[in-house]
Amino acid sequence: MYEYAPQGTCSKKITFDLDNGKVKSVSFLGGCPGNLQGISHLVEGMNAEDVISRLEGITCGTKPTSCPDQFAQALKQALASSHQ
């Protein structure tokens, strides 16, 4: 299980698993519950690199980041640590 503390968003923690590069068991603490639950369900079973390419760079209002962007950053960090 990976844990990530998002920066610059309403959510306070993102947890998830990776199974052979596939995203599993995504959960956000805080943030907009319906939207984040929707994202969690949509990315379940997807290849982590595909999720990163779709979510990275999404902003929220005037903020330079968003919960989806922070999830992409979390996935990048998890992939980097699993390849070491």
C-alpha atoms as a PDB file:
ATOM      1  CA  MET A   1       0.000   0.000   0.000  1.00  0.00           C
ATOM      2  CA  TYR A   2       1.342   3.398  -0.988  1.00  0.00           C
ATOM      3  CA  GLU A   3       0.504   6.607   0.881  1.00  0.00           C
ATOM      4  CA  TYR A   4       0.978  10.103  -0.501  1.00  0.00           C
ATOM      5  CA  ALA A   5       0.416  13.498   1.137  1.00  0.00           C
ATOM      6  CA  PRO A   6      -0.917  15.814  -1.586  1.00  0.00           C
ATOM      7  CA  GLN A   7       0.316  19.405  -1.747  1.00  0.00           C
ATOM      8  CA  GLY A   8      -1.922  22.359  -2.610  1.00  0.00           C
ATOM      9  CA  THR A   9      -5.240  20.466  -2.611  1.00  0.00           C
ATOM     10  CA  CYS A  10      -8.182  19.891  -0.279  1.00  0.00           C
ATOM     11  CA  SER A  11      -7.420  16.178   0.028  1.00  0.00           C
ATOM     12  CA  LYS A  12      -4.983  15.299   2.802  1.00  0.00           C
ATOM     13  CA  LYS A  13      -3.929  11.758   1.883  1.00  0.00           C
ATOM     14  CA  ILE A  14      -4.065   9.399  -1.088  1.00  0.00           C
ATOM     15  CA  THR A  15      -3.635   5.652  -0.614  1.00  0.00           C
ATOM     16  CA  PHE A  16      -3.450   3.041  -3.361  1.00  0.00           C
ATOM     17  CA  ASP A  17      -1.862  -0.218  -4.429  1.00  0.00           C
ATOM     18  CA  LEU A  18      -0.052  -1.187  -7.593  1.00  0.00           C
ATOM     19  CA  ASP A  19      -0.277  -4.754  -8.878  1.00  0.00           C
ATOM     20  CA  ASN A  20       2.025  -5.399 -11.863  1.00  0.00           C
ATOM     21  CA  GLY A  21       1.711  -1.733 -12.824  1.00  0.00           C
ATOM     22  CA  LYS A  22      -2.089  -1.712 -12.481  1.00  0.00           C
ATOM     23  CA  VAL A  23      -3.829   0.717 -10.103  1.00  0.00           C
ATOM     24  CA  LYS A  24      -5.810  -0.871  -7.266  1.00  0.00           C
ATOM     25  CA  SER A  25      -7.675   0.255  -4.113  1.00  0.00           C
ATOM     26  CA  VAL A  26      -7.499   4.045  -4.567  1.00  0.00           C
ATOM     27  CA  SER A  27      -8.732   6.142  -1.656  1.00  0.00           C
ATOM     28  CA  PHE A  28      -8.620   9.890  -0.988  1.00  0.00           C
ATOM     29  CA  LEU A  29      -8.942  11.426   2.479  1.00  0.00           C
ATOM     30  CA  GLY A  30     -10.637  14.813   2.252  1.00  0.00           C
ATOM     31  CA  GLY A  31     -11.425  16.700  -0.919  1.00  0.00           C
ATOM     32  CA  CYS A  32     -14.664  16.448  -2.932  1.00  0.00           C
ATOM     33  CA  PRO A  33     -15.991  12.984  -2.031  1.00  0.00           C
ATOM     34  CA  GLY A  34     -18.151  12.306  -5.090  1.00  0.00           C
ATOM     35  CA  ASN A  35     -15.578  13.444  -7.635  1.00  0.00           C
ATOM     36  CA  LEU A  36     -12.713  11.614  -5.959  1.00  0.00           C
ATOM     37  CA  GLN A  37     -14.740   8.448  -5.537  1.00  0.00           C
ATOM     38  CA  GLY A  38     -15.569   8.675  -9.247  1.00  0.00           C
ATOM     39  CA  ILE A  39     -11.892   9.046 -10.161  1.00  0.00           C
ATOM     40  CA  SER A  40     -11.021   6.103  -7.903  1.00  0.00           C
ATOM     41  CA  HIS A  41     -13.534   3.865  -9.646  1.00  0.00           C
ATOM     42  CA  LEU A  42     -12.575   5.014 -13.140  1.00  0.00           C
ATOM     43  CA  VAL A  43      -8.851   4.308 -12.723  1.00  0.00           C
ATOM     44  CA  GLU A  44      -9.261   0.961 -10.944  1.00  0.00           C
ATOM     45  CA  GLY A  45      -7.442  -1.694 -12.972  1.00  0.00           C
ATOM     46  CA  MET A  46      -5.823   0.802 -15.364  1.00  0.00           C
ATOM     47  CA  ASN A  47      -2.121   0.827 -16.125  1.00  0.00           C
ATOM     48  CA  ALA A  48      -0.503   3.420 -13.825  1.00  0.00           C
ATOM     49  CA  GLU A  49       1.325   5.083 -16.717  1.00  0.00           C
ATOM     50  CA  ASP A  50      -1.963   5.553 -18.596  1.00  0.00           C
ATOM     51  CA  VAL A  51      -3.512   7.148 -15.500  1.00  0.00           C
ATOM     52  CA  ILE A  52      -0.524   9.495 -15.185  1.00  0.00           C
ATOM     53  CA  SER A  53      -0.803  10.572 -18.830  1.00  0.00           C
ATOM     54  CA  ARG A  54      -4.519  11.353 -18.402  1.00  0.00           C
ATOM     55  CA  LEU A  55      -4.414  13.125 -15.021  1.00  0.00           C
ATOM     56  CA  GLU A  56      -1.073  14.913 -14.860  1.00  0.00           C
ATOM     57  CA  GLY A  57      -1.345  18.666 -15.325  1.00  0.00           C
ATOM     58  CA  ILE A  58      -5.034  19.038 -14.425  1.00  0.00           C
ATOM     59  CA  THR A  59      -5.583  22.175 -12.356  1.00  0.00           C
ATOM     60  CA  CYS A  60      -8.361  23.151  -9.941  1.00  0.00           C
ATOM     61  CA  GLY A  61      -9.657  26.695 -10.408  1.00  0.00           C
ATOM     62  CA  THR A  62      -6.717  29.055  -9.985  1.00  0.00           C
ATOM     63  CA  LYS A  63      -4.589  26.451  -8.189  1.00  0.00           C
ATOM     64  CA  PRO A  64      -1.599  25.126 -10.153  1.00  0.00           C
ATOM     65  CA  THR A  65      -2.532  21.531  -9.224  1.00  0.00           C
ATOM     66  CA  SER A  66      -5.562  19.376  -8.373  1.00  0.00           C
ATOM     67  CA  CYS A  67      -6.396  16.104  -6.667  1.00  0.00           C
ATOM     68  CA  PRO A  68      -6.122  14.221  -9.990  1.00  0.00           C
ATOM     69  CA  ASP A  69      -2.750  15.874 -10.699  1.00  0.00           C
ATOM     70  CA  GLN A  70      -1.541  15.004  -7.208  1.00  0.00           C
ATOM     71  CA  PHE A  71      -2.636  11.397  -7.739  1.00  0.00           C
ATOM     72  CA  ALA A  72      -0.549  11.368 -10.929  1.00  0.00           C
ATOM     73  CA  GLN A  73       2.427  12.630  -8.906  1.00  0.00           C
ATOM     74  CA  ALA A  74       1.815   9.908  -6.302  1.00  0.00           C
ATOM     75  CA  LEU A  75       1.781   7.256  -9.025  1.00  0.00           C
ATOM     76  CA  LYS A  76       5.017   8.590 -10.535  1.00  0.00           C
ATOM     77  CA  GLN A  77       6.689   8.446  -7.121  1.00  0.00           C
ATOM     78  CA  ALA A  78       5.419   4.902  -6.506  1.00  0.00           C
ATOM     79  CA  LEU A  79       6.608   3.693  -9.911  1.00  0.00           C
ATOM     80  CA  ALA A  80      10.024   5.264  -9.366  1.00  0.00           C
ATOM     81  CA  SER A  81      10.395   3.595  -5.966  1.00  0.00           C
ATOM     82  CA  SER A  82       9.312   0.205  -7.321  1.00  0.00           C
ATOM     83  CA  HIS A  83      11.956   0.356 -10.080  1.00  0.00           C
ATOM     84  CA  GLN A  84      14.860   0.955  -7.710  1.00  0.00           C
END
